[in-house]
PDB file of all heavy atoms in Angstrom:
ATOM      1  N   ASN A   1      76.419  81.465 297.446  1.00  0.00           N
ATOM      2  CA  ASN A   1      75.304  81.992 296.644  1.00  0.00           C
ATOM      3  C   ASN A   1      74.334  82.802 297.515  1.00  0.00           C
ATOM      4  O   ASN A   1      73.135  82.541 297.583  1.00  0.00           O
ATOM      5  CB  ASN A   1      74.565  80.867 295.909  1.00  0.00           C
ATOM      6  CG  ASN A   1      73.938  79.854 296.854  1.00  0.00           C
ATOM      7  OD1 ASN A   1      74.445  79.618 297.956  1.00  0.00           O
ATOM      8  ND2 ASN A   1      72.849  79.245 296.434  1.00  0.00           N
ATOM      9  N   ARG A   2      74.890  83.806 298.152  1.00  0.00           N
ATOM     10  CA  ARG A   2      74.119  84.740 298.956  1.00  0.00           C
ATOM     11  C   ARG A   2      74.710  86.136 298.762  1.00  0.00           C
ATOM     12  O   ARG A   2      75.915  86.276 298.516  1.00  0.00           O
ATOM     13  CB  ARG A   2      74.175  84.368 300.450  1.00  0.00           C
ATOM     14  CG  ARG A   2      73.530  83.022 300.779  1.00  0.00           C
ATOM     15  CD  ARG A   2      72.017  83.044 300.568  1.00  0.00           C
ATOM     16  NE  ARG A   2      71.380  81.806 300.979  1.00  0.00           N
ATOM     17  CZ  ARG A   2      71.118  80.776 300.147  1.00  0.00           C
ATOM     18  NH1 ARG A   2      71.467  80.870 298.870  1.00  0.00           N
ATOM     19  NH2 ARG A   2      70.522  79.693 300.589  1.00  0.00           N
ATOM     20  N   GLY A   3      73.874  87.166 298.893  1.00  0.00           N
ATOM     21  CA  GLY A   3      74.362  88.536 298.765  1.00  0.00           C
ATOM     22  C   GLY A   3      75.061  88.758 297.436  1.00  0.00           C
ATOM     23  O   GLY A   3      74.578  88.353 296.381  1.00  0.00           O
ATOM     24  N   GLN A   4      76.235  89.404 297.487  1.00  0.00           N
ATOM     25  CA  GLN A   4      77.014  89.637 296.269  1.00  0.00           C
ATOM     26  C   GLN A   4      78.130  88.604 296.081  1.00  0.00           C
ATOM     27  O   GLN A   4      79.113  88.848 295.384  1.00  0.00           O
ATOM     28  CB  GLN A   4      77.572  91.058 296.262  1.00  0.00           C
ATOM     29  CG  GLN A   4      76.487  92.119 296.124  1.00  0.00           C
ATOM     30  CD  GLN A   4      77.001  93.453 295.610  1.00  0.00           C
ATOM     31  OE1 GLN A   4      78.022  93.527 294.930  1.00  0.00           O
ATOM     32  NE2 GLN A   4      76.281  94.512 295.918  1.00  0.00           N
ATOM     33  N   GLY A   5      77.970  87.455 296.725  1.00  0.00           N
ATOM     34  CA  GLY A   5      78.812  86.312 296.399  1.00  0.00           C
ATOM     35  C   GLY A   5      80.073  86.150 297.230  1.00  0.00           C
ATOM     36  O   GLY A   5      80.234  85.149 297.924  1.00  0.00           O
ATOM     37  N   ILE A   6      80.984  87.118 297.152  1.00  0.00           N
ATOM     38  CA  ILE A   6      82.284  86.960 297.805  1.00  0.00           C
ATOM     39  C   ILE A   6      82.132  87.042 299.319  1.00  0.00           C
ATOM     40  O   ILE A   6      81.695  88.051 299.861  1.00  0.00           O
ATOM     41  CB  ILE A   6      83.286  88.028 297.322  1.00  0.00           C
ATOM     42  CG1 ILE A   6      83.458  87.961 295.810  1.00  0.00           C
ATOM     43  CG2 ILE A   6      84.630  87.842 298.034  1.00  0.00           C
ATOM     44  CD1 ILE A   6      83.973  86.644 295.285  1.00  0.00           C
ATOM     45  N   SER A   7      82.541  85.968 299.990  1.00  0.00           N
ATOM     46  CA  SER A   7      82.437  85.908 301.445  1.00  0.00           C
ATOM     47  C   SER A   7      83.732  86.321 302.115  1.00  0.00           C
ATOM     48  O   SER A   7      83.727  87.030 303.130  1.00  0.00           O
ATOM     49  CB  SER A   7      82.067  84.488 301.886  1.00  0.00           C
ATOM     50  OG  SER A   7      82.217  84.337 303.278  1.00  0.00           O
ATOM     51  N   SER A   8      84.868  85.866 301.573  1.00  0.00           N
ATOM     52  CA  SER A   8      86.161  86.210 302.156  1.00  0.00           C
ATOM     53  C   SER A   8      87.259  86.038 301.115  1.00  0.00           C
ATOM     54  O   SER A   8      87.118  85.255 300.173  1.00  0.00           O
ATOM     55  CB  SER A   8      86.452  85.343 303.384  1.00  0.00           C
ATOM     56  OG  SER A   8      86.291  83.974 303.074  1.00  0.00           O
ATOM     57  N   PHE A   9      88.343  86.784 301.287  1.00  0.00           N
ATOM     58  CA  PHE A   9      89.488  86.630 300.386  1.00  0.00           C
ATOM     59  C   PHE A   9      90.745  87.144 301.073  1.00  0.00           C
ATOM     60  O   PHE A   9      90.685  87.923 302.019  1.00  0.00           O
ATOM     61  CB  PHE A   9      89.266  87.344 299.044  1.00  0.00           C
ATOM     62  CG  PHE A   9      89.121  88.837 299.133  1.00  0.00           C
ATOM     63  CD1 PHE A   9      90.210  89.671 298.905  1.00  0.00           C
ATOM     64  CD2 PHE A   9      87.890  89.410 299.411  1.00  0.00           C
ATOM     65  CE1 PHE A   9      90.067  91.039 298.972  1.00  0.00           C
ATOM     66  CE2 PHE A   9      87.742  90.789 299.475  1.00  0.00           C
ATOM     67  CZ  PHE A   9      88.835  91.607 299.255  1.00  0.00           C
ATOM     68  N   GLY A  10      91.884  86.662 300.595  1.00  0.00           N
ATOM     69  CA  GLY A  10      93.161  87.065 301.168  1.00  0.00           C
ATOM     70  C   GLY A  10      94.305  86.347 300.487  1.00  0.00           C
ATOM     71  O   GLY A  10      94.131  85.745 299.428  1.00  0.00           O
ATOM     72  N   ILE A  11      95.488  86.402 301.087  1.00  0.00           N
ATOM     73  CA  ILE A  11      96.663  85.740 300.529  1.00  0.00           C
ATOM     74  C   ILE A  11      97.251  84.785 301.556  1.00  0.00           C
ATOM     75  O   ILE A  11      97.043  84.940 302.755  1.00  0.00           O
ATOM     76  CB  ILE A  11      97.730  86.766 300.084  1.00  0.00           C
ATOM     77  CG1 ILE A  11      98.188  87.619 301.276  1.00  0.00           C
ATOM     78  CG2 ILE A  11      97.191  87.654 298.975  1.00  0.00           C
ATOM     79  CD1 ILE A  11      99.367  88.525 300.963  1.00  0.00           C
ATOM     80  N   GLU A  12      97.945  83.802 301.103  1.00  0.00           N
ATOM     81  CA  GLU A  12      98.719  82.852 301.914  1.00  0.00           C
ATOM     82  C   GLU A  12      97.866  81.961 302.805  1.00  0.00           C
ATOM     83  O   GLU A  12      97.874  80.751 302.677  1.00  0.00           O
ATOM     84  CB  GLU A  12      99.765  83.593 302.767  1.00  0.00           C
ATOM     85  CG  GLU A  12     100.869  84.248 301.961  1.00  0.00           C
ATOM     86  CD  GLU A  12     101.887  84.938 302.853  1.00  0.00           C
ATOM     87  OE1 GLU A  12     101.806  84.810 304.089  1.00  0.00           O
ATOM     88  OE2 GLU A  12     102.780  85.609 302.306  1.00  0.00           O
ATOM     89  N   SER A  13      97.130  82.546 303.763  1.00  0.00           N
ATOM     90  CA  SER A  13      96.400  81.730 304.736  1.00  0.00           C
ATOM     91  C   SER A  13      95.297  82.563 305.383  1.00  0.00           C
ATOM     92  O   SER A  13      95.120  83.746 305.055  1.00  0.00           O
ATOM     93  CB  SER A  13      97.351  81.205 305.815  1.00  0.00           C
ATOM     94  OG  SER A  13      97.808  82.277 306.634  1.00  0.00           O
ATOM     95  N   LYS A  14      94.586  81.973 306.334  1.00  0.00           N
ATOM     96  CA  LYS A  14      93.545  82.700 307.068  1.00  0.00           C
ATOM     97  C   LYS A  14      94.123  83.880 307.835  1.00  0.00           C
ATOM     98  O   LYS A  14      93.408  84.841 308.139  1.00  0.00           O
ATOM     99  CB  LYS A  14      92.844  81.761 308.056  1.00  0.00           C
ATOM    100  CG  LYS A  14      92.084  80.621 307.425  1.00  0.00           C
ATOM    101  CD  LYS A  14      91.499  79.725 308.509  1.00  0.00           C
ATOM    102  CE  LYS A  14      90.827  78.509 307.906  1.00  0.00           C
ATOM    103  NZ  LYS A  14      90.277  77.614 308.971  1.00  0.00           N
ATOM    104  N   ASP A  15      95.417  83.824 308.168  1.00  0.00           N
ATOM    105  CA  ASP A  15      96.066  84.906 308.908  1.00  0.00           C
ATOM    106  C   ASP A  15      96.432  86.095 308.020  1.00  0.00           C
ATOM    107  O   ASP A  15      96.984  87.083 308.509  1.00  0.00           O
ATOM    108  CB  ASP A  15      97.323  84.389 309.616  1.00  0.00           C
ATOM    109  CG  ASP A  15      96.988  83.453 310.769  1.00  0.00           C
ATOM    110  OD1 ASP A  15      95.899  83.612 311.367  1.00  0.00           O
ATOM    111  OD2 ASP A  15      97.803  82.563 311.063  1.00  0.00           O
ATOM    112  N   ARG A  16      96.156  86.003 306.729  1.00  0.00           N
ATOM    113  CA  ARG A  16      96.433  87.114 305.810  1.00  0.00           C
ATOM    114  C   ARG A  16      95.149  87.493 305.068  1.00  0.00           C
ATOM    115  O   ARG A  16      95.153  87.780 303.881  1.00  0.00           O
ATOM    116  CB  ARG A  16      97.528  86.723 304.802  1.00  0.00           C
ATOM    117  CG  ARG A  16      98.896  86.498 305.415  1.00  0.00           C
ATOM    118  CD  ARG A  16      99.519  87.796 305.901  1.00  0.00           C
ATOM    119  NE  ARG A  16     100.877  87.588 306.406  1.00  0.00           N
ATOM    120  CZ  ARG A  16     101.164  87.338 307.667  1.00  0.00           C
ATOM    121  NH1 ARG A  16     100.190  87.254 308.567  1.00  0.00           N
ATOM    122  NH2 ARG A  16     102.419  87.165 308.062  1.00  0.00           N
ATOM    123  N   ALA A  17      94.052  87.482 305.799  1.00  0.00           N
ATOM    124  CA  ALA A  17      92.756  87.802 305.184  1.00  0.00           C
ATOM    125  C   ALA A  17      92.592  89.300 304.982  1.00  0.00           C
ATOM    126  O   ALA A  17      93.043  90.100 305.804  1.00  0.00           O
ATOM    127  CB  ALA A  17      91.621  87.262 306.049  1.00  0.00           C
ATOM    128  N   ILE A  18      91.950  89.680 303.894  1.00  0.00           N
ATOM    129  CA  ILE A  18      91.560  91.065 303.647  1.00  0.00           C
ATOM    130  C   ILE A  18      90.091  91.233 304.048  1.00  0.00           C
ATOM    131  O   ILE A  18      89.698  92.226 304.634  1.00  0.00           O
ATOM    132  CB  ILE A  18      91.783  91.437 302.168  1.00  0.00           C
ATOM    133  CG1 ILE A  18      93.280  91.327 301.834  1.00  0.00           C
ATOM    134  CG2 ILE A  18      91.264  92.845 301.872  1.00  0.00           C
ATOM    135  CD1 ILE A  18      93.595  91.448 300.364  1.00  0.00           C
ATOM    136  N   LEU A  19      89.287  90.235 303.728  1.00  0.00           N
ATOM    137  CA  LEU A  19      87.919  90.113 304.228  1.00  0.00           C
ATOM    138  C   LEU A  19      87.890  88.829 305.039  1.00  0.00           C
ATOM    139  O   LEU A  19      88.237  87.768 304.528  1.00  0.00           O
ATOM    140  CB  LEU A  19      86.921  90.059 303.072  1.00  0.00           C
ATOM    141  CG  LEU A  19      85.439  89.982 303.424  1.00  0.00           C
ATOM    142  CD1 LEU A  19      85.017  91.193 304.246  1.00  0.00           C
ATOM    143  CD2 LEU A  19      84.593  89.887 302.160  1.00  0.00           C
ATOM    144  N   GLU A  20      87.513  88.914 306.302  1.00  0.00           N
ATOM    145  CA  GLU A  20      87.649  87.815 307.259  1.00  0.00           C
ATOM    146  C   GLU A  20      87.143  86.481 306.733  1.00  0.00           C
ATOM    147  O   GLU A  20      86.047  86.394 306.171  1.00  0.00           O
ATOM    148  CB  GLU A  20      86.898  88.154 308.554  1.00  0.00           C
ATOM    149  CG  GLU A  20      87.010  87.082 309.623  1.00  0.00           C
ATOM    150  CD  GLU A  20      86.183  87.380 310.862  1.00  0.00           C
ATOM    151  OE1 GLU A  20      85.589  88.485 310.928  1.00  0.00           O
ATOM    152  OE2 GLU A  20      86.124  86.528 311.760  1.00  0.00           O
ATOM    153  N   PHE A  21      87.958  85.440 306.910  1.00  0.00           N
ATOM    154  CA  PHE A  21      87.551  84.107 306.497  1.00  0.00           C
ATOM    155  C   PHE A  21      86.475  83.586 307.439  1.00  0.00           C
ATOM    156  O   PHE A  21      86.613  83.625 308.662  1.00  0.00           O
ATOM    157  CB  PHE A  21      88.728  83.138 306.508  1.00  0.00           C
ATOM    158  CG  PHE A  21      88.327  81.733 306.152  1.00  0.00           C
ATOM    159  CD1 PHE A  21      88.145  81.367 304.827  1.00  0.00           C
ATOM    160  CD2 PHE A  21      88.085  80.801 307.140  1.00  0.00           C
ATOM    161  CE1 PHE A  21      87.741  80.077 304.491  1.00  0.00           C
ATOM    162  CE2 PHE A  21      87.687  79.507 306.812  1.00  0.00           C
ATOM    163  CZ  PHE A  21      87.516  79.148 305.490  1.00  0.00           C
ATOM    164  N   LEU A  22      85.373  83.102 306.849  1.00  0.00           N
ATOM    165  CA  LEU A  22      84.287  82.496 307.614  1.00  0.00           C
ATOM    166  C   LEU A  22      83.988  81.119 307.053  1.00  0.00           C
ATOM    167  O   LEU A  22      84.010  80.932 305.832  1.00  0.00           O
ATOM    168  CB  LEU A  22      83.017  83.356 307.531  1.00  0.00           C
ATOM    169  CG  LEU A  22      83.066  84.753 308.137  1.00  0.00           C
ATOM    170  CD1 LEU A  22      81.784  85.500 307.828  1.00  0.00           C
ATOM    171  CD2 LEU A  22      83.286  84.689 309.640  1.00  0.00           C
ATOM    172  N   PRO A  23      83.703  80.136 307.903  1.00  0.00           N
ATOM    173  CA  PRO A  23      83.269  78.834 307.401  1.00  0.00           C
ATOM    174  C   PRO A  23      81.918  78.984 306.705  1.00  0.00           C
ATOM    175  O   PRO A  23      81.196  79.967 306.926  1.00  0.00           O
ATOM    176  CB  PRO A  23      83.167  77.973 308.662  1.00  0.00           C
ATOM    177  CG  PRO A  23      83.003  78.944 309.779  1.00  0.00           C
ATOM    178  CD  PRO A  23      83.741  80.175 309.372  1.00  0.00           C
ATOM    179  N   ALA A  24      81.573  78.014 305.882  1.00  0.00           N
ATOM    180  CA  ALA A  24      80.394  78.129 305.016  1.00  0.00           C
ATOM    181  C   ALA A  24      79.110  78.431 305.783  1.00  0.00           C
ATOM    182  O   ALA A  24      78.321  79.286 305.375  1.00  0.00           O
ATOM    183  CB  ALA A  24      80.234  76.854 304.193  1.00  0.00           C
ATOM    184  N   ASN A  25      78.894  77.743 306.911  1.00  0.00           N
ATOM    185  CA  ASN A  25      77.620  77.951 307.616  1.00  0.00           C
ATOM    186  C   ASN A  25      77.451  79.386 308.105  1.00  0.00           C
ATOM    187  O   ASN A  25      76.347  79.922 308.131  1.00  0.00           O
ATOM    188  CB  ASN A  25      77.474  76.953 308.773  1.00  0.00           C
ATOM    189  CG  ASN A  25      78.554  77.111 309.826  1.00  0.00           C
ATOM    190  OD1 ASN A  25      79.679  77.510 309.527  1.00  0.00           O
ATOM    191  ND2 ASN A  25      78.230  76.810 311.073  1.00  0.00           N
ATOM    192  N   LYS A  26      78.553  80.041 308.479  1.00  0.00           N
ATOM    193  CA  LYS A  26      78.490  81.441 308.888  1.00  0.00           C
ATOM    194  C   LYS A  26      78.473  82.370 307.673  1.00  0.00           C
ATOM    195  O   LYS A  26      77.859  83.439 307.698  1.00  0.00           O
ATOM    196  CB  LYS A  26      79.663  81.786 309.800  1.00  0.00           C
ATOM    197  CG  LYS A  26      79.599  81.106 311.163  1.00  0.00           C
ATOM    198  CD  LYS A  26      80.729  81.568 312.063  1.00  0.00           C
ATOM    199  CE  LYS A  26      80.626  80.912 313.442  1.00  0.00           C
ATOM    200  NZ  LYS A  26      81.720  81.350 314.345  1.00  0.00           N
ATOM    201  N   ALA A  27      79.156  81.964 306.628  1.00  0.00           N
ATOM    202  CA  ALA A  27      79.214  82.789 305.414  1.00  0.00           C
ATOM    203  C   ALA A  27      77.834  82.965 304.793  1.00  0.00           C
ATOM    204  O   ALA A  27      77.507  84.039 304.283  1.00  0.00           O
ATOM    205  CB  ALA A  27      80.170  82.171 304.401  1.00  0.00           C
ATOM    206  N   TYR A  28      77.012  81.905 304.829  1.00  0.00           N
ATOM    207  CA  TYR A  28      75.656  82.018 304.275  1.00  0.00           C
ATOM    208  C   TYR A  28      74.858  83.114 304.972  1.00  0.00           C
ATOM    209  O   TYR A  28      74.044  83.797 304.357  1.00  0.00           O
ATOM    210  CB  TYR A  28      74.909  80.682 304.412  1.00  0.00           C
ATOM    211  CG  TYR A  28      75.554  79.527 303.681  1.00  0.00           C
ATOM    212  CD1 TYR A  28      75.653  78.276 304.278  1.00  0.00           C
ATOM    213  CD2 TYR A  28      76.067  79.678 302.395  1.00  0.00           C
ATOM    214  CE1 TYR A  28      76.247  77.206 303.620  1.00  0.00           C
ATOM    215  CE2 TYR A  28      76.670  78.618 301.727  1.00  0.00           C
ATOM    216  CZ  TYR A  28      76.763  77.383 302.351  1.00  0.00           C
ATOM    217  OH  TYR A  28      77.349  76.331 301.707  1.00  0.00           O
ATOM    218  N   ARG A  29      75.097  83.295 306.263  1.00  0.00           N
ATOM    219  CA  ARG A  29      74.349  84.286 307.029  1.00  0.00           C
ATOM    220  C   ARG A  29      74.950  85.687 306.917  1.00  0.00           C
ATOM    221  O   ARG A  29      74.221  86.682 306.948  1.00  0.00           O
ATOM    222  CB  ARG A  29      74.304  83.886 308.514  1.00  0.00           C
ATOM    223  CG  ARG A  29      73.689  82.530 308.782  1.00  0.00           C
ATOM    224  CD  ARG A  29      73.380  82.345 310.267  1.00  0.00           C
ATOM    225  NE  ARG A  29      74.558  82.415 311.115  1.00  0.00           N
ATOM    226  CZ  ARG A  29      75.245  81.348 311.535  1.00  0.00           C
ATOM    227  NH1 ARG A  29      74.870  80.134 311.150  1.00  0.00           N
ATOM    228  NH2 ARG A  29      76.295  81.478 312.333  1.00  0.00           N
ATOM    229  N   ALA A  30      76.263  85.770 306.811  1.00  0.00           N
ATOM    230  CA  ALA A  30      76.941  87.060 306.956  1.00  0.00           C
ATOM    231  C   ALA A  30      77.263  87.780 305.648  1.00  0.00           C
ATOM    232  O   ALA A  30      77.451  88.999 305.648  1.00  0.00           O
ATOM    233  CB  ALA A  30      78.242  86.874 307.746  1.00  0.00           C
ATOM    234  N   THR A  31      77.334  87.050 304.533  1.00  0.00           N
ATOM    235  CA  THR A  31      77.812  87.653 303.288  1.00  0.00           C
ATOM    236  C   THR A  31      76.938  88.816 302.821  1.00  0.00           C
ATOM    237  O   THR A  31      77.438  89.813 302.287  1.00  0.00           O
ATOM    238  CB  THR A  31      77.915  86.587 302.184  1.00  0.00           C
ATOM    239  OG1 THR A  31      78.811  85.561 302.617  1.00  0.00           O
ATOM    240  CG2 THR A  31      78.432  87.183 300.887  1.00  0.00           C
ATOM    241  N   SER A  32      75.636  88.726 303.030  1.00  0.00           N
ATOM    242  CA  SER A  32      74.730  89.795 302.581  1.00  0.00           C
ATOM    243  C   SER A  32      74.978  91.111 303.299  1.00  0.00           C
ATOM    244  O   SER A  32      74.712  92.186 302.752  1.00  0.00           O
ATOM    245  CB  SER A  32      73.273  89.365 302.788  1.00  0.00           C
ATOM    246  OG  SER A  32      72.959  88.253 301.989  1.00  0.00           O
ATOM    247  N   THR A  33      75.511  91.048 304.525  1.00  0.00           N
ATOM    248  CA  THR A  33      75.727  92.281 305.291  1.00  0.00           C
ATOM    249  C   THR A  33      77.199  92.669 305.388  1.00  0.00           C
ATOM    250  O   THR A  33      77.539  93.849 305.396  1.00  0.00           O
ATOM    251  CB  THR A  33      75.163  92.138 306.721  1.00  0.00           C
ATOM    252  OG1 THR A  33      75.717  90.975 307.341  1.00  0.00           O
ATOM    253  CG2 THR A  33      73.646  92.022 306.683  1.00  0.00           C
ATOM    254  N   GLN A  34      78.105  91.679 305.458  1.00  0.00           N
ATOM    255  CA  GLN A  34      79.528  91.958 305.643  1.00  0.00           C
ATOM    256  C   GLN A  34      80.333  91.919 304.348  1.00  0.00           C
ATOM    257  O   GLN A  34      81.493  92.340 304.326  1.00  0.00           O
ATOM    258  CB  GLN A  34      80.130  90.962 306.638  1.00  0.00           C
ATOM    259  CG  GLN A  34      79.574  91.103 308.035  1.00  0.00           C
ATOM    260  CD  GLN A  34      80.122  90.079 308.997  1.00  0.00           C
ATOM    261  OE1 GLN A  34      79.492  89.758 309.998  1.00  0.00           O
ATOM    262  NE2 GLN A  34      81.298  89.541 308.720  1.00  0.00           N
ATOM    263  N   GLY A  35      79.728  91.414 303.281  1.00  0.00           N
ATOM    264  CA  GLY A  35      80.420  91.356 302.001  1.00  0.00           C
ATOM    265  C   GLY A  35      80.220  92.646 301.212  1.00  0.00           C
ATOM    266  O   GLY A  35      79.778  93.667 301.743  1.00  0.00           O
ATOM    267  N   PHE A  36      80.547  92.597 299.912  1.00  0.00           N
ATOM    268  CA  PHE A  36      80.372  93.776 299.055  1.00  0.00           C
ATOM    269  C   PHE A  36      78.897  94.172 299.001  1.00  0.00           C
ATOM    270  O   PHE A  36      78.011  93.324 298.934  1.00  0.00           O
ATOM    271  CB  PHE A  36      80.871  93.475 297.638  1.00  0.00           C
ATOM    272  CG  PHE A  36      82.363  93.380 297.531  1.00  0.00           C
ATOM    273  CD1 PHE A  36      82.979  92.139 297.493  1.00  0.00           C
ATOM    274  CD2 PHE A  36      83.145  94.517 297.471  1.00  0.00           C
ATOM    275  CE1 PHE A  36      84.362  92.033 297.388  1.00  0.00           C
ATOM    276  CE2 PHE A  36      84.529  94.431 297.367  1.00  0.00           C
ATOM    277  CZ  PHE A  36      85.135  93.180 297.327  1.00  0.00           C
ATOM    278  N   ARG A  37      78.664  95.491 299.010  1.00  0.00           N
ATOM    279  CA  ARG A  37      77.296  96.001 298.968  1.00  0.00           C
ATOM    280  C   ARG A  37      77.229  97.225 298.053  1.00  0.00           C
ATOM    281  O   ARG A  37      78.202  97.965 297.900  1.00  0.00           O
ATOM    282  CB  ARG A  37      76.792  96.352 300.367  1.00  0.00           C
ATOM    283  CG  ARG A  37      76.801  95.170 301.306  1.00  0.00           C
ATOM    284  CD  ARG A  37      76.273  95.491 302.681  1.00  0.00           C
ATOM    285  NE  ARG A  37      74.826  95.711 302.664  1.00  0.00           N
ATOM    286  CZ  ARG A  37      74.113  95.940 303.763  1.00  0.00           C
ATOM    287  NH1 ARG A  37      74.714  96.001 304.939  1.00  0.00           N
ATOM    288  NH2 ARG A  37      72.809  96.117 303.686  1.00  0.00           N
ATOM    289  N   THR A  38      76.060  97.427 297.476  1.00  0.00           N
ATOM    290  CA  THR A  38      75.825  98.535 296.557  1.00  0.00           C
ATOM    291  C   THR A  38      74.531  99.239 296.960  1.00  0.00           C
ATOM    292  O   THR A  38      73.515  98.578 297.173  1.00  0.00           O
ATOM    293  CB  THR A  38      75.696  98.033 295.106  1.00  0.00           C
ATOM    294  OG1 THR A  38      76.837  97.233 294.773  1.00  0.00           O
ATOM    295  CG2 THR A  38      75.587  99.194 294.127  1.00  0.00           C
ATOM    296  N   PHE A  39      74.589 100.566 297.058  1.00  0.00           N
ATOM    297  CA  PHE A  39      73.407 101.339 297.424  1.00  0.00           C
ATOM    298  C   PHE A  39      73.135 102.381 296.338  1.00  0.00           C
ATOM    299  O   PHE A  39      74.042 103.105 295.934  1.00  0.00           O
ATOM    300  CB  PHE A  39      73.602 102.028 298.781  1.00  0.00           C
ATOM    301  CG  PHE A  39      73.802 101.058 299.919  1.00  0.00           C
ATOM    302  CD1 PHE A  39      75.074 100.692 300.304  1.00  0.00           C
ATOM    303  CD2 PHE A  39      72.713 100.522 300.581  1.00  0.00           C
ATOM    304  CE1 PHE A  39      75.274  99.795 301.350  1.00  0.00           C
ATOM    305  CE2 PHE A  39      72.892  99.625 301.624  1.00  0.00           C
ATOM    306  CZ  PHE A  39      74.166  99.255 302.009  1.00  0.00           C
TER     307      PHE A  39
END
């Protein structure tokens, strides 16, 4: 529940990420800048 929501996604496992998998504590900090953005 930060930024535009989606922190990471991919297929199969962490080794097939399209947007890098981050643990929750890092995701709270990074999603607003590294996730989807609209200007």
